[in-house]
Amino acid sequence: MSYEGKACVNCVFIIFLLVASTLLSRSPVEAKSLRPITDSEIRQKKLECYANIESGLWGPKCKSSMIAKENCALRCLSPTCYELIYESDPLEEGEKDFVRGQEYKYCMHK
């Protein structure tokens, strides 16, 4: 095999490693898979989001109230779905929006 051929094989291998590491580093919520995310996976990821919020990773604003914490958890769980469903009109204190909750859940399962 010529030098150019060996270099090309090395390039392909490096590209493969980069793609594989990118796919493996994604969380279950972000990673595209052949199956939708399950409710139990969503609950587990949301618990992780709450823990990150409580530890201060999301800043003091996310700990300022229960509804701020919930909005931050929804954003943490799926930034894309949060942007589509809640960003223009975040949840407010005392609000129970079942319609948007179902839309968000549907978005998560896609």
Protein backbone atom coordinates (compact mmCIF):
# COMPACT_ATOMS: atom_id res chain seq x y z
CA MET A 1 0.00 0.00 0.00
CA SER A 2 1.33 3.44 -0.91
CA TYR A 3 1.92 6.24 1.56
CA GLU A 4 -1.18 8.07 0.26
CA GLY A 5 -3.28 4.94 0.77
CA LYS A 6 -2.11 4.55 4.37
CA ALA A 7 -2.77 8.23 5.07
CA CYS A 8 -6.29 7.89 3.67
CA VAL A 9 -6.97 4.84 5.86
CA ASN A 10 -5.75 6.83 8.88
CA CYS A 11 -8.04 9.74 7.94
CA VAL A 12 -11.05 7.45 7.67
CA PHE A 13 -10.21 5.88 11.04
CA ILE A 14 -9.88 9.29 12.70
CA ILE A 15 -13.20 10.45 11.23
CA PHE A 16 -14.83 7.23 12.44
CA LEU A 17 -13.50 7.80 15.97
CA LEU A 18 -14.76 11.39 16.01
CA VAL A 19 -18.24 10.40 14.85
CA ALA A 20 -18.41 7.46 17.27
CA SER A 21 -17.30 9.57 20.25
CA THR A 22 -19.86 12.26 19.39
CA LEU A 23 -22.68 9.75 19.22
CA LEU A 24 -21.64 7.98 22.43
CA SER A 25 -21.29 11.23 24.38
CA ARG A 26 -24.88 12.32 23.78
CA SER A 27 -27.48 11.80 26.50
CA PRO A 28 -30.46 9.50 25.83
CA VAL A 29 -32.70 12.52 25.40
CA GLU A 30 -30.44 14.12 22.78
CA ALA A 31 -29.42 10.99 20.92
CA LYS A 32 -31.52 9.94 17.98
CA SER A 33 -32.36 6.27 18.17
CA LEU A 34 -34.59 3.83 16.43
CA ARG A 35 -36.99 3.85 19.38
CA PRO A 36 -38.62 6.77 21.18
CA ILE A 37 -37.52 7.63 24.69
CA THR A 38 -39.62 5.91 27.34
CA ASP A 39 -41.52 7.61 30.15
CA SER A 40 -39.18 6.06 32.71
CA GLU A 41 -36.13 7.40 30.82
CA ILE A 42 -37.73 10.86 30.79
CA ARG A 43 -38.41 10.65 34.55
CA GLN A 44 -34.81 9.58 35.23
CA LYS A 45 -33.39 12.38 33.09
CA LYS A 46 -35.70 14.92 34.77
CA LEU A 47 -34.47 13.79 38.20
CA GLU A 48 -30.91 14.37 36.97
CA CYS A 49 -31.95 17.85 35.80
CA TYR A 50 -33.48 18.65 39.22
CA ALA A 51 -30.27 17.48 40.91
CA ASN A 52 -28.19 19.73 38.63
CA ILE A 53 -30.47 22.67 39.37
CA GLU A 54 -30.26 22.06 43.13
CA SER A 55 -26.47 21.86 42.94
CA GLY A 56 -26.40 25.31 41.34
CA LEU A 57 -25.28 24.31 37.85
CA TRP A 58 -28.19 26.24 36.33
CA GLY A 59 -27.64 29.38 38.39
CA PRO A 60 -29.59 31.02 41.22
CA LYS A 61 -32.51 32.03 38.98
CA CYS A 62 -33.46 28.36 38.56
CA LYS A 63 -33.63 27.95 42.35
CA SER A 64 -35.62 31.13 43.00
CA SER A 65 -39.04 29.42 43.02
CA MET A 66 -40.72 26.10 42.31
CA ILE A 67 -41.99 27.31 38.94
CA ALA A 68 -38.56 28.67 37.97
CA LYS A 69 -37.12 25.28 38.89
CA GLU A 70 -39.75 23.54 36.76
CA ASN A 71 -39.09 25.79 33.74
CA CYS A 72 -35.35 25.13 34.08
CA ALA A 73 -35.94 21.37 34.40
CA LEU A 74 -38.05 21.39 31.24
CA ARG A 75 -35.33 23.32 29.42
CA CYS A 76 -32.67 20.92 30.76
CA LEU A 77 -34.68 17.87 29.75
CA SER A 78 -35.07 19.01 26.13
CA PRO A 79 -33.92 22.45 25.04
CA THR A 80 -35.56 21.91 21.64
CA CYS A 81 -38.97 20.93 23.04
CA TYR A 82 -38.81 23.72 25.64
CA GLU A 83 -38.10 26.25 22.90
CA LEU A 84 -41.02 24.98 20.81
CA ILE A 85 -43.58 24.72 23.62
CA TYR A 86 -42.68 27.01 26.53
CA GLU A 87 -40.00 29.56 25.64
CA SER A 88 -42.37 32.25 24.34
CA ASP A 89 -44.70 31.78 27.35
CA PRO A 90 -43.00 30.03 30.31
CA LEU A 91 -45.05 28.44 33.04
CA GLU A 92 -46.19 30.91 35.71
CA GLU A 93 -46.76 30.44 39.44
CA GLY A 94 -49.82 28.26 40.02
CA GLU A 95 -50.30 27.49 36.34
CA LYS A 96 -51.23 23.94 35.33
CA ASP A 97 -51.12 23.75 31.54
CA PHE A 98 -52.07 20.20 30.67
CA VAL A 99 -52.34 20.88 26.93
CA ARG A 100 -48.80 22.19 26.64
CA GLY A 101 -47.64 19.43 28.98
CA GLN A 102 -48.99 16.86 26.53
CA GLU A 103 -47.43 18.71 23.60
CA TYR A 104 -44.07 18.70 25.39
CA LYS A 105 -44.37 15.00 26.17
CA TYR A 106 -45.24 14.26 22.53
CA CYS A 107 -42.23 16.32 21.43
CA MET A 108 -39.99 14.33 23.78
CA HIS A 109 -41.20 11.00 22.37
CA LYS A 110 -40.47 11.99 18.76
